C-alpha atoms as a PDB file:
ATOM      1  CA  UNK A   1       0.002  -0.005   0.000  1.00  0.00           C
ATOM      2  CA  UNK A   2       1.621   3.221  -1.162  1.00  0.00           C
ATOM      3  CA  UNK A   3       0.673   6.434   0.563  1.00  0.00           C
ATOM      4  CA  UNK A   4       2.887   9.445  -0.132  1.00  0.00           C
ATOM      5  CA  UNK A   5       2.445  13.135   0.880  1.00  0.00           C
ATOM      6  CA  UNK A   6       1.210  15.232  -2.041  1.00  0.00           C
ATOM      7  CA  UNK A   7      -0.157  18.638  -2.945  1.00  0.00           C
ATOM      8  CA  UNK A   8      -3.656  19.082  -4.287  1.00  0.00           C
ATOM      9  CA  UNK A   9      -2.866  20.976  -7.475  1.00  0.00           C
ATOM     10  CA  UNK A  10      -6.098  22.862  -8.026  1.00  0.00           C
ATOM     11  CA  UNK A  11      -8.098  25.768  -6.680  1.00  0.00           C
ATOM     12  CA  UNK A  12     -10.820  24.319  -4.504  1.00  0.00           C
ATOM     13  CA  UNK A  13     -13.590  26.462  -3.153  1.00  0.00           C
ATOM     14  CA  UNK A  14     -14.328  27.437   0.408  1.00  0.00           C
ATOM     15  CA  UNK A  15     -15.176  24.647   2.858  1.00  0.00           C
ATOM     16  CA  UNK A  16     -18.291  25.565   4.896  1.00  0.00           C
ATOM     17  CA  UNK A  17     -17.569  23.237   7.785  1.00  0.00           C
ATOM     18  CA  UNK A  18     -14.453  22.786   9.958  1.00  0.00           C
ATOM     19  CA  UNK A  19     -13.605  19.222   8.837  1.00  0.00           C
ATOM     20  CA  UNK A  20     -13.419  17.811   5.364  1.00  0.00           C
ATOM     21  CA  UNK A  21     -12.433  14.684   3.486  1.00  0.00           C
ATOM     22  CA  UNK A  22     -11.237  15.746   0.031  1.00  0.00           C
ATOM     23  CA  UNK A  23     -10.619  13.581  -3.005  1.00  0.00           C
ATOM     24  CA  UNK A  24      -8.862  15.034  -6.076  1.00  0.00           C
ATOM     25  CA  UNK A  25      -8.110  13.404  -9.442  1.00  0.00           C
ATOM     26  CA  UNK A  26      -5.398  15.137 -11.453  1.00  0.00           C
ATOM     27  CA  UNK A  27      -5.061  14.789 -15.214  1.00  0.00           C
ATOM     28  CA  UNK A  28      -2.357  15.093 -17.841  1.00  0.00           C
ATOM     29  CA  UNK A  29      -2.479  14.849 -21.588  1.00  0.00           C
ATOM     30  CA  UNK A  30      -1.551  11.602 -23.294  1.00  0.00           C
ATOM     31  CA  UNK A  31       1.513  13.385 -24.744  1.00  0.00           C
ATOM     32  CA  UNK A  32       2.744  15.277 -21.663  1.00  0.00           C
ATOM     33  CA  UNK A  33       2.358  12.943 -18.699  1.00  0.00           C
ATOM     34  CA  UNK A  34       4.686  15.019 -16.500  1.00  0.00           C
ATOM     35  CA  UNK A  35       2.513  18.206 -16.483  1.00  0.00           C
ATOM     36  CA  UNK A  36      -0.602  18.263 -14.337  1.00  0.00           C
ATOM     37  CA  UNK A  37      -3.444  20.269 -15.830  1.00  0.00           C
ATOM     38  CA  UNK A  38      -4.741  22.165 -12.792  1.00  0.00           C
ATOM     39  CA  UNK A  39      -7.855  23.443 -14.624  1.00  0.00           C
ATOM     40  CA  UNK A  40      -8.928  19.876 -15.404  1.00  0.00           C
ATOM     41  CA  UNK A  41      -8.743  18.584 -11.814  1.00  0.00           C
ATOM     42  CA  UNK A  42     -11.886  16.840 -10.592  1.00  0.00           C
ATOM     43  CA  UNK A  43     -12.574  16.911  -6.888  1.00  0.00           C
ATOM     44  CA  UNK A  44     -15.146  15.631  -4.461  1.00  0.00           C
ATOM     45  CA  UNK A  45     -15.450  16.465  -0.787  1.00  0.00           C
ATOM     46  CA  UNK A  46     -17.410  15.513   2.255  1.00  0.00           C
ATOM     47  CA  UNK A  47     -17.831  18.145   4.975  1.00  0.00           C
ATOM     48  CA  UNK A  48     -18.205  17.385   8.653  1.00  0.00           C
ATOM     49  CA  UNK A  49     -19.052  19.451  11.736  1.00  0.00           C
ATOM     50  CA  UNK A  50     -16.960  17.418  14.168  1.00  0.00           C
ATOM     51  CA  UNK A  51     -13.773  15.408  14.270  1.00  0.00           C
ATOM     52  CA  UNK A  52     -15.818  12.399  15.394  1.00  0.00           C
ATOM     53  CA  UNK A  53     -18.016  12.548  12.277  1.00  0.00           C
ATOM     54  CA  UNK A  54     -14.901  12.623  10.077  1.00  0.00           C
ATOM     55  CA  UNK A  55     -13.356   9.703  11.938  1.00  0.00           C
ATOM     56  CA  UNK A  56     -16.548   7.682  11.600  1.00  0.00           C
ATOM     57  CA  UNK A  57     -16.555   8.368   7.831  1.00  0.00           C
ATOM     58  CA  UNK A  58     -12.931   7.147   7.585  1.00  0.00           C
ATOM     59  CA  UNK A  59     -13.521   3.992   9.567  1.00  0.00           C
ATOM     60  CA  UNK A  60     -16.781   3.028   7.812  1.00  0.00           C
ATOM     61  CA  UNK A  61     -16.404   4.547   4.342  1.00  0.00           C
ATOM     62  CA  UNK A  62     -18.231   2.085   2.081  1.00  0.00           C
ATOM     63  CA  UNK A  63     -21.056   4.385   0.945  1.00  0.00           C
ATOM     64  CA  UNK A  64     -18.830   7.400   0.567  1.00  0.00           C
ATOM     65  CA  UNK A  65     -16.228   5.463  -1.422  1.00  0.00           C
ATOM     66  CA  UNK A  66     -18.883   4.138  -3.773  1.00  0.00           C
ATOM     67  CA  UNK A  67     -20.161   7.663  -4.405  1.00  0.00           C
ATOM     68  CA  UNK A  68     -16.651   9.030  -5.026  1.00  0.00           C
ATOM     69  CA  UNK A  69     -15.655   6.155  -7.325  1.00  0.00           C
ATOM     70  CA  UNK A  70     -18.807   6.543  -9.422  1.00  0.00           C
ATOM     71  CA  UNK A  71     -18.190  10.260  -9.824  1.00  0.00           C
ATOM     72  CA  UNK A  72     -14.505   9.912 -10.783  1.00  0.00           C
ATOM     73  CA  UNK A  73     -15.128   7.052 -13.243  1.00  0.00           C
ATOM     74  CA  UNK A  74     -17.810   9.124 -14.967  1.00  0.00           C
ATOM     75  CA  UNK A  75     -15.574  12.228 -15.105  1.00  0.00           C
ATOM     76  CA  UNK A  76     -12.494  10.303 -16.325  1.00  0.00           C
ATOM     77  CA  UNK A  77     -14.509   8.645 -19.098  1.00  0.00           C
ATOM     78  CA  UNK A  78     -15.724  12.047 -20.288  1.00  0.00           C
ATOM     79  CA  UNK A  79     -12.200  13.449 -20.293  1.00  0.00           C
ATOM     80  CA  UNK A  80     -10.832  10.710 -22.542  1.00  0.00           C
ATOM     81  CA  UNK A  81     -12.526  12.517 -25.408  1.00  0.00           C
ATOM     82  CA  UNK A  82     -10.240  15.457 -24.658  1.00  0.00           C
ATOM     83  CA  UNK A  83      -7.233  13.100 -24.724  1.00  0.00           C
ATOM     84  CA  UNK A  84      -6.732  13.449 -20.984  1.00  0.00           C
ATOM     85  CA  UNK A  85      -5.592  10.669 -18.708  1.00  0.00           C
ATOM     86  CA  UNK A  86      -5.821  10.351 -14.949  1.00  0.00           C
ATOM     87  CA  UNK A  87      -2.378  10.848 -13.492  1.00  0.00           C
ATOM     88  CA  UNK A  88      -2.489  11.353  -9.697  1.00  0.00           C
ATOM     89  CA  UNK A  89      -5.159  10.716  -7.138  1.00  0.00           C
ATOM     90  CA  UNK A  90      -4.933  12.602  -3.844  1.00  0.00           C
ATOM     91  CA  UNK A  91      -6.931  12.196  -0.634  1.00  0.00           C
ATOM     92  CA  UNK A  92      -6.636  14.863   2.066  1.00  0.00           C
ATOM     93  CA  UNK A  93      -8.235  16.768   4.901  1.00  0.00           C
ATOM     94  CA  UNK A  94      -7.993  20.249   3.435  1.00  0.00           C
ATOM     95  CA  UNK A  95      -7.874  22.052   0.070  1.00  0.00           C
ATOM     96  CA  UNK A  96      -4.066  21.992  -0.337  1.00  0.00           C
ATOM     97  CA  UNK A  97      -2.402  18.941   1.164  1.00  0.00           C
ATOM     98  CA  UNK A  98      -3.082  15.240   1.025  1.00  0.00           C
ATOM     99  CA  UNK A  99      -1.679  11.886   0.100  1.00  0.00           C
ATOM    100  CA  UNK A 100      -1.467   9.991  -3.113  1.00  0.00           C
ATOM    101  CA  UNK A 101      -2.841   6.488  -2.773  1.00  0.00           C
ATOM    102  CA  UNK A 102      -2.499   3.502  -5.096  1.00  0.00           C
ATOM    103  CA  UNK A 103      -6.044   2.309  -4.402  1.00  0.00           C
ATOM    104  CA  UNK A 104      -9.157   3.905  -3.143  1.00  0.00           C
ATOM    105  CA  UNK A 105     -10.275   1.504  -0.474  1.00  0.00           C
ATOM    106  CA  UNK A 106     -11.088   1.214   3.218  1.00  0.00           C
ATOM    107  CA  UNK A 107      -7.547   0.201   4.215  1.00  0.00           C
ATOM    108  CA  UNK A 108      -6.033   3.352   2.759  1.00  0.00           C
ATOM    109  CA  UNK A 109      -8.539   5.618   4.463  1.00  0.00           C
ATOM    110  CA  UNK A 110      -7.805   3.956   7.802  1.00  0.00           C
ATOM    111  CA  UNK A 111      -4.093   4.659   7.281  1.00  0.00           C
ATOM    112  CA  UNK A 112      -4.885   8.307   6.414  1.00  0.00           C
ATOM    113  CA  UNK A 113      -6.801   8.635   9.658  1.00  0.00           C
ATOM    114  CA  UNK A 114      -3.607   7.804  11.563  1.00  0.00           C
ATOM    115  CA  UNK A 115      -1.461  10.484   9.923  1.00  0.00           C
ATOM    116  CA  UNK A 116      -0.494  13.433  12.163  1.00  0.00           C
ATOM    117  CA  UNK A 117      -1.989  15.868   9.615  1.00  0.00           C
ATOM    118  CA  UNK A 118      -5.403  14.368  10.147  1.00  0.00           C
ATOM    119  CA  UNK A 119      -5.306  15.320  13.814  1.00  0.00           C
ATOM    120  CA  UNK A 120      -7.832  12.609  14.581  1.00  0.00           C
ATOM    121  CA  UNK A 121      -5.872  10.701  17.169  1.00  0.00           C
ATOM    122  CA  UNK A 122      -3.754  12.199  19.964  1.00  0.00           C
ATOM    123  CA  UNK A 123      -0.114  11.927  19.053  1.00  0.00           C
ATOM    124  CA  UNK A 124       2.053   9.919  21.409  1.00  0.00           C
ATOM    125  CA  UNK A 125       4.803  11.929  23.067  1.00  0.00           C
ATOM    126  CA  UNK A 126       8.316  11.155  22.034  1.00  0.00           C
ATOM    127  CA  UNK A 127       9.741   8.361  24.140  1.00  0.00           C
ATOM    128  CA  UNK A 128      12.501   9.584  26.414  1.00  0.00           C
ATOM    129  CA  UNK A 129      15.472   7.630  27.614  1.00  0.00           C
ATOM    130  CA  UNK A 130      14.806   4.875  30.157  1.00  0.00           C
ATOM    131  CA  UNK A 131      15.652   5.764  33.739  1.00  0.00           C
END
């Protein structure tokens, strides 16, 4: 399972609630696979009022994942007519930062919930030397 820090390379609109789960699909052309087309980025987000609601969504994401997958498959199919290909998929908790994942499934979302950036779990203090 590959999860790497990444930047969401698009301008996403204002988030009306304090917590969000953001999915972004970046595209390139078939001929220039190293240049992300920021204007062609598709994104989907779920907004939450509390940290507990976000955590629940990450731990039991089946319905949300189905909705996101259906949306991105539909959008990617439409973009093939413009000769665009999906290049990078990013999942994050805000409009700028996230993680690339190699599969959109429950296991990856559980790992994302454990990242310090998510702020969902208290971080353990650094272990000091034994006395």
